Amino acid sequence: MEKAGLRYATPLAAAEDARWGRSATPSAQEIEAAGADVRCKRETGLVAIWSAVDTEVQQGVIKAHAADFEAFGKTRQTYLAAARRVLDTES
């Protein structure tokens, strides 16, 4: 972003810039900033890094709460089976 002359405190700040989204048609400056934002994220691999970290965090939570997730899955299957029975009787 800095290469394009734009400075934001965080990677999400560009999208939250109060100058953007004020009209249905984006301004040339807004389009330029959006392009710079995408290029910056691609060049730095930011989205891939975010995704990898998010996946790691989620897998850790799943592992730490495996019994809870197993119970959620069983409950979901019970609800789905009940819904199928109701739908089958309505046909």
PDB file of N, CA and C in Angstrom:
ATOM      1  N   MET A   1       0.835  -1.185   0.000  1.00  0.00           N
ATOM      2  CA  MET A   1       0.000   0.000   0.000  1.00  0.00           C
ATOM      3  C   MET A   1       0.879   1.247   0.000  1.00  0.00           C
ATOM      4  N   GLU A   2       1.950   1.145   0.748  1.00  0.00           N
ATOM      5  CA  GLU A   2       2.841   2.299   0.847  1.00  0.00           C
ATOM      6  C   GLU A   2       3.452   2.648  -0.511  1.00  0.00           C
ATOM      7  N   LYS A   3       3.724   1.617  -1.324  1.00  0.00           N
ATOM      8  CA  LYS A   3       4.253   1.852  -2.676  1.00  0.00           C
ATOM      9  C   LYS A   3       3.303   2.711  -3.502  1.00  0.00           C
ATOM     10  N   ALA A   4       2.012   2.584  -3.233  1.00  0.00           N
ATOM     11  CA  ALA A   4       0.994   3.340  -3.958  1.00  0.00           C
ATOM     12  C   ALA A   4       0.704   4.680  -3.290  1.00  0.00           C
ATOM     13  N   GLY A   5       1.472   5.008  -2.253  1.00  0.00           N
ATOM     14  CA  GLY A   5       1.274   6.276  -1.561  1.00  0.00           C
ATOM     15  C   GLY A   5       0.145   6.254  -0.550  1.00  0.00           C
ATOM     16  N   LEU A   6      -0.252   5.060  -0.148  1.00  0.00           N
ATOM     17  CA  LEU A   6      -1.348   4.917   0.811  1.00  0.00           C
ATOM     18  C   LEU A   6      -0.799   4.349   2.111  1.00  0.00           C
ATOM     19  N   ARG A   7      -1.259   4.893   3.211  1.00  0.00           N
ATOM     20  CA  ARG A   7      -0.788   4.412   4.513  1.00  0.00           C
ATOM     21  C   ARG A   7      -1.993   4.089   5.380  1.00  0.00           C
ATOM     22  N   TYR A   8      -2.026   2.838   5.816  1.00  0.00           N
ATOM     23  CA  TYR A   8      -3.083   2.382   6.714  1.00  0.00           C
ATOM     24  C   TYR A   8      -2.430   1.638   7.865  1.00  0.00           C
ATOM     25  N   ALA A   9      -3.020   1.739   9.025  1.00  0.00           N
ATOM     26  CA  ALA A   9      -2.442   1.136  10.228  1.00  0.00           C
ATOM     27  C   ALA A   9      -2.514  -0.389  10.223  1.00  0.00           C
ATOM     28  N   THR A  10      -3.556  -0.939   9.579  1.00  0.00           N
ATOM     29  CA  THR A  10      -3.740  -2.387   9.543  1.00  0.00           C
ATOM     30  C   THR A  10      -4.172  -2.820   8.147  1.00  0.00           C
ATOM     31  N   PRO A  11      -4.072  -4.099   7.837  1.00  0.00           N
ATOM     32  CA  PRO A  11      -4.518  -4.581   6.529  1.00  0.00           C
ATOM     33  C   PRO A  11      -6.014  -4.384   6.274  1.00  0.00           C
ATOM     34  N   LEU A  12      -6.812  -4.282   7.310  1.00  0.00           N
ATOM     35  CA  LEU A  12      -8.247  -4.082   7.129  1.00  0.00           C
ATOM     36  C   LEU A  12      -8.650  -2.612   7.054  1.00  0.00           C
ATOM     37  N   ALA A  13      -7.753  -1.733   7.411  1.00  0.00           N
ATOM     38  CA  ALA A  13      -8.097  -0.311   7.492  1.00  0.00           C
ATOM     39  C   ALA A  13      -8.480   0.292   6.148  1.00  0.00           C
ATOM     40  N   ALA A  14      -7.900  -0.183   5.064  1.00  0.00           N
ATOM     41  CA  ALA A  14      -8.232   0.381   3.744  1.00  0.00           C
ATOM     42  C   ALA A  14      -9.711   0.174   3.435  1.00  0.00           C
ATOM     43  N   ALA A  15     -10.213  -1.006   3.724  1.00  0.00           N
ATOM     44  CA  ALA A  15     -11.620  -1.290   3.452  1.00  0.00           C
ATOM     45  C   ALA A  15     -12.550  -0.495   4.367  1.00  0.00           C
ATOM     46  N   GLU A  16     -12.035  -0.081   5.503  1.00  0.00           N
ATOM     47  CA  GLU A  16     -12.847   0.657   6.473  1.00  0.00           C
ATOM     48  C   GLU A  16     -12.702   2.174   6.330  1.00  0.00           C
ATOM     49  N   ASP A  17     -11.939   2.611   5.348  1.00  0.00           N
ATOM     50  CA  ASP A  17     -11.704   4.045   5.132  1.00  0.00           C
ATOM     51  C   ASP A  17     -13.042   4.756   4.925  1.00  0.00           C
ATOM     52  N   ALA A  18     -13.296   5.779   5.704  1.00  0.00           N
ATOM     53  CA  ALA A  18     -14.573   6.506   5.671  1.00  0.00           C
ATOM     54  C   ALA A  18     -14.838   7.175   4.325  1.00  0.00           C
ATOM     55  N   ARG A  19     -13.798   7.356   3.514  1.00  0.00           N
ATOM     56  CA  ARG A  19     -13.991   7.985   2.202  1.00  0.00           C
ATOM     57  C   ARG A  19     -14.655   7.046   1.199  1.00  0.00           C
ATOM     58  N   TRP A  20     -14.585   5.758   1.459  1.00  0.00           N
ATOM     59  CA  TRP A  20     -15.097   4.800   0.485  1.00  0.00           C
ATOM     60  C   TRP A  20     -16.540   4.395   0.778  1.00  0.00           C
ATOM     61  N   GLY A  21     -17.245   3.991  -0.257  1.00  0.00           N
ATOM     62  CA  GLY A  21     -18.606   3.488  -0.112  1.00  0.00           C
ATOM     63  C   GLY A  21     -19.656   4.555   0.108  1.00  0.00           C
ATOM     64  N   ARG A  22     -19.334   5.777  -0.233  1.00  0.00           N
ATOM     65  CA  ARG A  22     -20.307   6.865  -0.015  1.00  0.00           C
ATOM     66  C   ARG A  22     -21.324   6.962  -1.148  1.00  0.00           C
ATOM     67  N   SER A  23     -21.019   6.334  -2.279  1.00  0.00           N
ATOM     68  CA  SER A  23     -21.963   6.370  -3.394  1.00  0.00           C
ATOM     69  C   SER A  23     -21.991   4.999  -4.060  1.00  0.00           C
ATOM     70  N   ALA A  24     -22.990   4.813  -4.922  1.00  0.00           N
ATOM     71  CA  ALA A  24     -23.127   3.532  -5.616  1.00  0.00           C
ATOM     72  C   ALA A  24     -21.992   3.315  -6.613  1.00  0.00           C
ATOM     73  N   THR A  25     -21.403   4.399  -7.087  1.00  0.00           N
ATOM     74  CA  THR A  25     -20.307   4.321  -8.048  1.00  0.00           C
ATOM     75  C   THR A  25     -19.011   4.718  -7.353  1.00  0.00           C
ATOM     76  N   PRO A  26     -18.041   3.810  -7.320  1.00  0.00           N
ATOM     77  CA  PRO A  26     -16.780   4.150  -6.648  1.00  0.00           C
ATOM     78  C   PRO A  26     -16.006   5.229  -7.399  1.00  0.00           C
ATOM     79  N   SER A  27     -15.313   6.058  -6.652  1.00  0.00           N
ATOM     80  CA  SER A  27     -14.496   7.107  -7.255  1.00  0.00           C
ATOM     81  C   SER A  27     -13.221   6.494  -7.837  1.00  0.00           C
ATOM     82  N   ALA A  28     -12.540   7.243  -8.677  1.00  0.00           N
ATOM     83  CA  ALA A  28     -11.271   6.776  -9.245  1.00  0.00           C
ATOM     84  C   ALA A  28     -10.265   6.511  -8.126  1.00  0.00           C
ATOM     85  N   GLN A  29     -10.270   7.359  -7.119  1.00  0.00           N
ATOM     86  CA  GLN A  29      -9.358   7.192  -5.982  1.00  0.00           C
ATOM     87  C   GLN A  29      -9.679   5.896  -5.217  1.00  0.00           C
ATOM     88  N   GLU A  30     -10.962   5.600  -5.067  1.00  0.00           N
ATOM     89  CA  GLU A  30     -11.368   4.377  -4.368  1.00  0.00           C
ATOM     90  C   GLU A  30     -10.959   3.138  -5.166  1.00  0.00           C
ATOM     91  N   ILE A  31     -11.142   3.182  -6.477  1.00  0.00           N
ATOM     92  CA  ILE A  31     -10.745   2.065  -7.340  1.00  0.00           C
ATOM     93  C   ILE A  31      -9.230   1.871  -7.290  1.00  0.00           C
ATOM     94  N   GLU A  32      -8.497   2.963  -7.311  1.00  0.00           N
ATOM     95  CA  GLU A  32      -7.031   2.893  -7.223  1.00  0.00           C
ATOM     96  C   GLU A  32      -6.592   2.277  -5.890  1.00  0.00           C
ATOM     97  N   ALA A  33      -7.220   2.686  -4.816  1.00  0.00           N
ATOM     98  CA  ALA A  33      -6.882   2.151  -3.491  1.00  0.00           C
ATOM     99  C   ALA A  33      -7.229   0.667  -3.409  1.00  0.00           C
ATOM    100  N   ALA A  34      -8.353   0.280  -3.973  1.00  0.00           N
ATOM    101  CA  ALA A  34      -8.750  -1.132  -3.947  1.00  0.00           C
ATOM    102  C   ALA A  34      -7.745  -1.984  -4.724  1.00  0.00           C
ATOM    103  N   GLY A  35      -7.326  -1.494  -5.872  1.00  0.00           N
ATOM    104  CA  GLY A  35      -6.320  -2.211  -6.655  1.00  0.00           C
ATOM    105  C   GLY A  35      -5.013  -2.347  -5.909  1.00  0.00           C
ATOM    106  N   ALA A  36      -4.588  -1.269  -5.263  1.00  0.00           N
ATOM    107  CA  ALA A  36      -3.352  -1.302  -4.474  1.00  0.00           C
ATOM    108  C   ALA A  36      -3.485  -2.275  -3.307  1.00  0.00           C
ATOM    109  N   ASP A  37      -4.654  -2.301  -2.697  1.00  0.00           N
ATOM    110  CA  ASP A  37      -4.904  -3.207  -1.573  1.00  0.00           C
ATOM    111  C   ASP A  37      -4.776  -4.667  -2.020  1.00  0.00           C
ATOM    112  N   VAL A  38      -5.380  -5.000  -3.149  1.00  0.00           N
ATOM    113  CA  VAL A  38      -5.304  -6.373  -3.667  1.00  0.00           C
ATOM    114  C   VAL A  38      -3.864  -6.728  -4.035  1.00  0.00           C
ATOM    115  N   ARG A  39      -3.176  -5.822  -4.719  1.00  0.00           N
ATOM    116  CA  ARG A  39      -1.774  -6.089  -5.081  1.00  0.00           C
ATOM    117  C   ARG A  39      -0.916  -6.313  -3.840  1.00  0.00           C
ATOM    118  N   CYS A  40      -1.102  -5.489  -2.845  1.00  0.00           N
ATOM    119  CA  CYS A  40      -0.330  -5.606  -1.607  1.00  0.00           C
ATOM    120  C   CYS A  40      -0.586  -6.951  -0.934  1.00  0.00           C
ATOM    121  N   LYS A  41      -1.839  -7.346  -0.862  1.00  0.00           N
ATOM    122  CA  LYS A  41      -2.178  -8.621  -0.226  1.00  0.00           C
ATOM    123  C   LYS A  41      -1.579  -9.794  -1.011  1.00  0.00           C
ATOM    124  N   ARG A  42      -1.594  -9.693  -2.339  1.00  0.00           N
ATOM    125  CA  ARG A  42      -0.989 -10.752  -3.163  1.00  0.00           C
ATOM    126  C   ARG A  42       0.523 -10.800  -2.983  1.00  0.00           C
ATOM    127  N   GLU A  43       1.166  -9.638  -3.036  1.00  0.00           N
ATOM    128  CA  GLU A  43       2.633  -9.577  -2.939  1.00  0.00           C
ATOM    129  C   GLU A  43       3.148 -10.078  -1.588  1.00  0.00           C
ATOM    130  N   THR A  44       2.405  -9.828  -0.555  1.00  0.00           N
ATOM    131  CA  THR A  44       2.845 -10.229   0.786  1.00  0.00           C
ATOM    132  C   THR A  44       2.357 -11.618   1.187  1.00  0.00           C
ATOM    133  N   GLY A  45       1.412 -12.171   0.414  1.00  0.00           N
ATOM    134  CA  GLY A  45       0.840 -13.473   0.766  1.00  0.00           C
ATOM    135  C   GLY A  45      -0.045 -13.401   1.994  1.00  0.00           C
ATOM    136  N   LEU A  46      -0.564 -12.218   2.277  1.00  0.00           N
ATOM    137  CA  LEU A  46      -1.320 -11.997   3.506  1.00  0.00           C
ATOM    138  C   LEU A  46      -2.520 -12.926   3.642  1.00  0.00           C
ATOM    139  N   VAL A  47      -3.301 -13.071   2.593  1.00  0.00           N
ATOM    140  CA  VAL A  47      -4.520 -13.879   2.692  1.00  0.00           C
ATOM    141  C   VAL A  47      -4.172 -15.344   2.952  1.00  0.00           C
ATOM    142  N   ALA A  48      -3.133 -15.842   2.299  1.00  0.00           N
ATOM    143  CA  ALA A  48      -2.698 -17.231   2.536  1.00  0.00           C
ATOM    144  C   ALA A  48      -2.230 -17.408   3.977  1.00  0.00           C
ATOM    145  N   ILE A  49      -1.514 -16.420   4.495  1.00  0.00           N
ATOM    146  CA  ILE A  49      -1.044 -16.481   5.889  1.00  0.00           C
ATOM    147  C   ILE A  49      -2.227 -16.448   6.843  1.00  0.00           C
ATOM    148  N   TRP A  50      -3.161 -15.520   6.616  1.00  0.00           N
ATOM    149  CA  TRP A  50      -4.360 -15.455   7.457  1.00  0.00           C
ATOM    150  C   TRP A  50      -5.092 -16.792   7.445  1.00  0.00           C
ATOM    151  N   SER A  51      -5.260 -17.353   6.251  1.00  0.00           N
ATOM    152  CA  SER A  51      -5.989 -18.604   6.117  1.00  0.00           C
ATOM    153  C   SER A  51      -5.295 -19.738   6.865  1.00  0.00           C
ATOM    154  N   ALA A  52      -3.981 -19.825   6.730  1.00  0.00           N
ATOM    155  CA  ALA A  52      -3.224 -20.880   7.409  1.00  0.00           C
ATOM    156  C   ALA A  52      -3.330 -20.746   8.926  1.00  0.00           C
ATOM    157  N   VAL A  53      -3.212 -19.529   9.417  1.00  0.00           N
ATOM    158  CA  VAL A  53      -3.300 -19.305  10.865  1.00  0.00           C
ATOM    159  C   VAL A  53      -4.710 -19.601  11.361  1.00  0.00           C
ATOM    160  N   ASP A  54      -5.716 -19.162  10.620  1.00  0.00           N
ATOM    161  CA  ASP A  54      -7.099 -19.413  11.000  1.00  0.00           C
ATOM    162  C   ASP A  54      -7.383 -20.916  11.044  1.00  0.00           C
ATOM    163  N   THR A  55      -6.892 -21.633  10.044  1.00  0.00           N
ATOM    164  CA  THR A  55      -7.062 -23.085  10.011  1.00  0.00           C
ATOM    165  C   THR A  55      -6.409 -23.736  11.221  1.00  0.00           C
ATOM    166  N   GLU A  56      -5.201 -23.301  11.548  1.00  0.00           N
ATOM    167  CA  GLU A  56      -4.483 -23.859  12.704  1.00  0.00           C
ATOM    168  C   GLU A  56      -5.249 -23.601  14.002  1.00  0.00           C
ATOM    169  N   VAL A  57      -5.758 -22.390  14.158  1.00  0.00           N
ATOM    170  CA  VAL A  57      -6.524 -22.052  15.364  1.00  0.00           C
ATOM    171  C   VAL A  57      -7.783 -22.914  15.442  1.00  0.00           C
ATOM    172  N   GLN A  58      -8.508 -23.019  14.323  1.00  0.00           N
ATOM    173  CA  GLN A  58      -9.738 -23.809  14.322  1.00  0.00           C
ATOM    174  C   GLN A  58      -9.463 -25.281  14.615  1.00  0.00           C
ATOM    175  N   GLN A  59      -8.407 -25.832  14.029  1.00  0.00           N
ATOM    176  CA  GLN A  59      -8.065 -27.227  14.294  1.00  0.00           C
ATOM    177  C   GLN A  59      -7.709 -27.437  15.757  1.00  0.00           C
ATOM    178  N   GLY A  60      -7.040 -26.471  16.346  1.00  0.00           N
ATOM    179  CA  GLY A  60      -6.719 -26.556  17.774  1.00  0.00           C
ATOM    180  C   GLY A  60      -7.963 -26.569  18.639  1.00  0.00           C
ATOM    181  N   VAL A  61      -8.926 -25.722  18.290  1.00  0.00           N
ATOM    182  CA  VAL A  61     -10.184 -25.681  19.045  1.00  0.00           C
ATOM    183  C   VAL A  61     -10.937 -26.993  18.879  1.00  0.00           C
ATOM    184  N   ILE A  62     -10.981 -27.491  17.655  1.00  0.00           N
ATOM    185  CA  ILE A  62     -11.672 -28.768  17.410  1.00  0.00           C
ATOM    186  C   ILE A  62     -11.030 -29.893  18.205  1.00  0.00           C
ATOM    187  N   LYS A  63      -9.702 -29.934  18.211  1.00  0.00           N
ATOM    188  CA  LYS A  63      -8.990 -30.978  18.954  1.00  0.00           C
ATOM    189  C   LYS A  63      -9.232 -30.842  20.461  1.00  0.00           C
ATOM    190  N   ALA A  64      -9.195 -29.614  20.950  1.00  0.00           N
ATOM    191  CA  ALA A  64      -9.373 -29.379  22.389  1.00  0.00           C
ATOM    192  C   ALA A  64     -10.797 -29.675  22.848  1.00  0.00           C
ATOM    193  N   HIS A  65     -11.749 -29.603  21.923  1.00  0.00           N
ATOM    194  CA  HIS A  65     -13.161 -29.803  22.274  1.00  0.00           C
ATOM    195  C   HIS A  65     -13.786 -30.907  21.431  1.00  0.00           C
ATOM    196  N   ALA A  66     -13.001 -31.936  21.154  1.00  0.00           N
ATOM    197  CA  ALA A  66     -13.454 -33.022  20.275  1.00  0.00           C
ATOM    198  C   ALA A  66     -14.770 -33.637  20.744  1.00  0.00           C
ATOM    199  N   ALA A  67     -14.911 -33.874  22.033  1.00  0.00           N
ATOM    200  CA  ALA A  67     -16.142 -34.491  22.551  1.00  0.00           C
ATOM    201  C   ALA A  67     -17.351 -33.591  22.306  1.00  0.00           C
ATOM    202  N   ASP A  68     -17.165 -32.292  22.470  1.00  0.00           N
ATOM    203  CA  ASP A  68     -18.266 -31.353  22.215  1.00  0.00           C
ATOM    204  C   ASP A  68     -18.679 -31.390  20.749  1.00  0.00           C
ATOM    205  N   PHE A  69     -17.700 -31.376  19.854  1.00  0.00           N
ATOM    206  CA  PHE A  69     -18.015 -31.399  18.429  1.00  0.00           C
ATOM    207  C   PHE A  69     -18.666 -32.717  18.023  1.00  0.00           C
ATOM    208  N   GLU A  70     -18.244 -33.805  18.652  1.00  0.00           N
ATOM    209  CA  GLU A  70     -18.882 -35.096  18.371  1.00  0.00           C
ATOM    210  C   GLU A  70     -20.343 -35.056  18.817  1.00  0.00           C
ATOM    211  N   ALA A  71     -20.596 -34.479  19.979  1.00  0.00           N
ATOM    212  CA  ALA A  71     -21.971 -34.354  20.478  1.00  0.00           C
ATOM    213  C   ALA A  71     -22.797 -33.449  19.567  1.00  0.00           C
ATOM    214  N   PHE A  72     -22.208 -32.345  19.092  1.00  0.00           N
ATOM    215  CA  PHE A  72     -22.917 -31.461  18.166  1.00  0.00           C
ATOM    216  C   PHE A  72     -23.305 -32.221  16.908  1.00  0.00           C
ATOM    217  N   GLY A  73     -22.369 -33.023  16.406  1.00  0.00           N
ATOM    218  CA  GLY A  73     -22.628 -33.802  15.199  1.00  0.00           C
ATOM    219  C   GLY A  73     -23.762 -34.794  15.392  1.00  0.00           C
ATOM    220  N   LYS A  74     -23.782 -35.480  16.522  1.00  0.00           N
ATOM    221  CA  LYS A  74     -24.852 -36.437  16.806  1.00  0.00           C
ATOM    222  C   LYS A  74     -26.196 -35.725  16.922  1.00  0.00           C
ATOM    223  N   THR A  75     -26.198 -34.577  17.601  1.00  0.00           N
ATOM    224  CA  THR A  75     -27.433 -33.804  17.735  1.00  0.00           C
ATOM    225  C   THR A  75     -27.925 -33.350  16.365  1.00  0.00           C
ATOM    226  N   ARG A  76     -27.014 -32.903  15.544  1.00  0.00           N
ATOM    227  CA  ARG A  76     -27.378 -32.465  14.180  1.00  0.00           C
ATOM    228  C   ARG A  76     -27.994 -33.625  13.401  1.00  0.00           C
ATOM    229  N   GLN A  77     -27.394 -34.795  13.490  1.00  0.00           N
ATOM    230  CA  GLN A  77     -27.927 -35.964  12.788  1.00  0.00           C
ATOM    231  C   GLN A  77     -29.329 -36.307  13.281  1.00  0.00           C
ATOM    232  N   THR A  78     -29.553 -36.169  14.587  1.00  0.00           N
ATOM    233  CA  THR A  78     -30.880 -36.427  15.158  1.00  0.00           C
ATOM    234  C   THR A  78     -31.899 -35.450  14.595  1.00  0.00           C
ATOM    235  N   TYR A  79     -31.536 -34.165  14.543  1.00  0.00           N
ATOM    236  CA  TYR A  79     -32.436 -33.140  13.989  1.00  0.00           C
ATOM    237  C   TYR A  79     -32.720 -33.392  12.514  1.00  0.00           C
ATOM    238  N   LEU A  80     -31.698 -33.748  11.762  1.00  0.00           N
ATOM    239  CA  LEU A  80     -31.886 -34.011  10.331  1.00  0.00           C
ATOM    240  C   LEU A  80     -32.791 -35.221  10.102  1.00  0.00           C
ATOM    241  N   ALA A  81     -32.600 -36.256  10.885  1.00  0.00           N
ATOM    242  CA  ALA A  81     -33.451 -37.448  10.761  1.00  0.00           C
ATOM    243  C   ALA A  81     -34.908 -37.098  11.059  1.00  0.00           C
ATOM    244  N   ALA A  82     -35.133 -36.276  12.089  1.00  0.00           N
ATOM    245  CA  ALA A  82     -36.500 -35.857  12.432  1.00  0.00           C
ATOM    246  C   ALA A  82     -37.102 -35.024  11.304  1.00  0.00           C
ATOM    247  N   ALA A  83     -36.310 -34.134  10.747  1.00  0.00           N
ATOM    248  CA  ALA A  83     -36.796 -33.295   9.642  1.00  0.00           C
ATOM    249  C   ALA A  83     -37.155 -34.160   8.426  1.00  0.00           C
ATOM    250  N   ARG A  84     -36.320 -35.177   8.141  1.00  0.00           N
ATOM    251  CA  ARG A  84     -36.603 -36.067   7.007  1.00  0.00           C
ATOM    252  C   ARG A  84     -37.918 -36.819   7.235  1.00  0.00           C
ATOM    253  N   ARG A  85     -38.138 -37.285   8.464  1.00  0.00           N
ATOM    254  CA  ARG A  85     -39.386 -37.992   8.762  1.00  0.00           C
ATOM    255  C   ARG A  85     -40.592 -37.075   8.542  1.00  0.00           C
ATOM    256  N   VAL A  86     -40.489 -35.838   8.988  1.00  0.00           N
ATOM    257  CA  VAL A  86     -41.588 -34.894   8.805  1.00  0.00           C
ATOM    258  C   VAL A  86     -41.825 -34.635   7.325  1.00  0.00           C
ATOM    259  N   LEU A  87     -40.747 -34.418   6.594  1.00  0.00           N
ATOM    260  CA  LEU A  87     -40.899 -34.157   5.154  1.00  0.00           C
ATOM    261  C   LEU A  87     -41.433 -35.369   4.409  1.00  0.00           C
ATOM    262  N   ASP A  88     -41.030 -36.546   4.815  1.00  0.00           N
ATOM    263  CA  ASP A  88     -41.515 -37.764   4.162  1.00  0.00           C
ATOM    264  C   ASP A  88     -43.010 -37.963   4.390  1.00  0.00           C
ATOM    265  N   THR A  89     -43.539 -37.582   5.556  1.00  0.00           N
ATOM    266  CA  THR A  89     -44.956 -37.740   5.842  1.00  0.00           C
ATOM    267  C   THR A  89     -45.798 -36.678   5.134  1.00  0.00           C
ATOM    268  N   GLU A  90     -45.184 -35.562   4.775  1.00  0.00           N
ATOM    269  CA  GLU A  90     -45.911 -34.491   4.086  1.00  0.00           C
ATOM    270  C   GLU A  90     -46.030 -34.773   2.593  1.00  0.00           C
ATOM    271  N   SER A  91     -45.239 -35.668   2.065  1.00  0.00           N
ATOM    272  CA  SER A  91     -45.245 -35.952   0.615  1.00  0.00           C
ATOM    273  C   SER A  91     -46.434 -36.757   0.185  1.00  0.00           C
TER     274      SER A  91
END
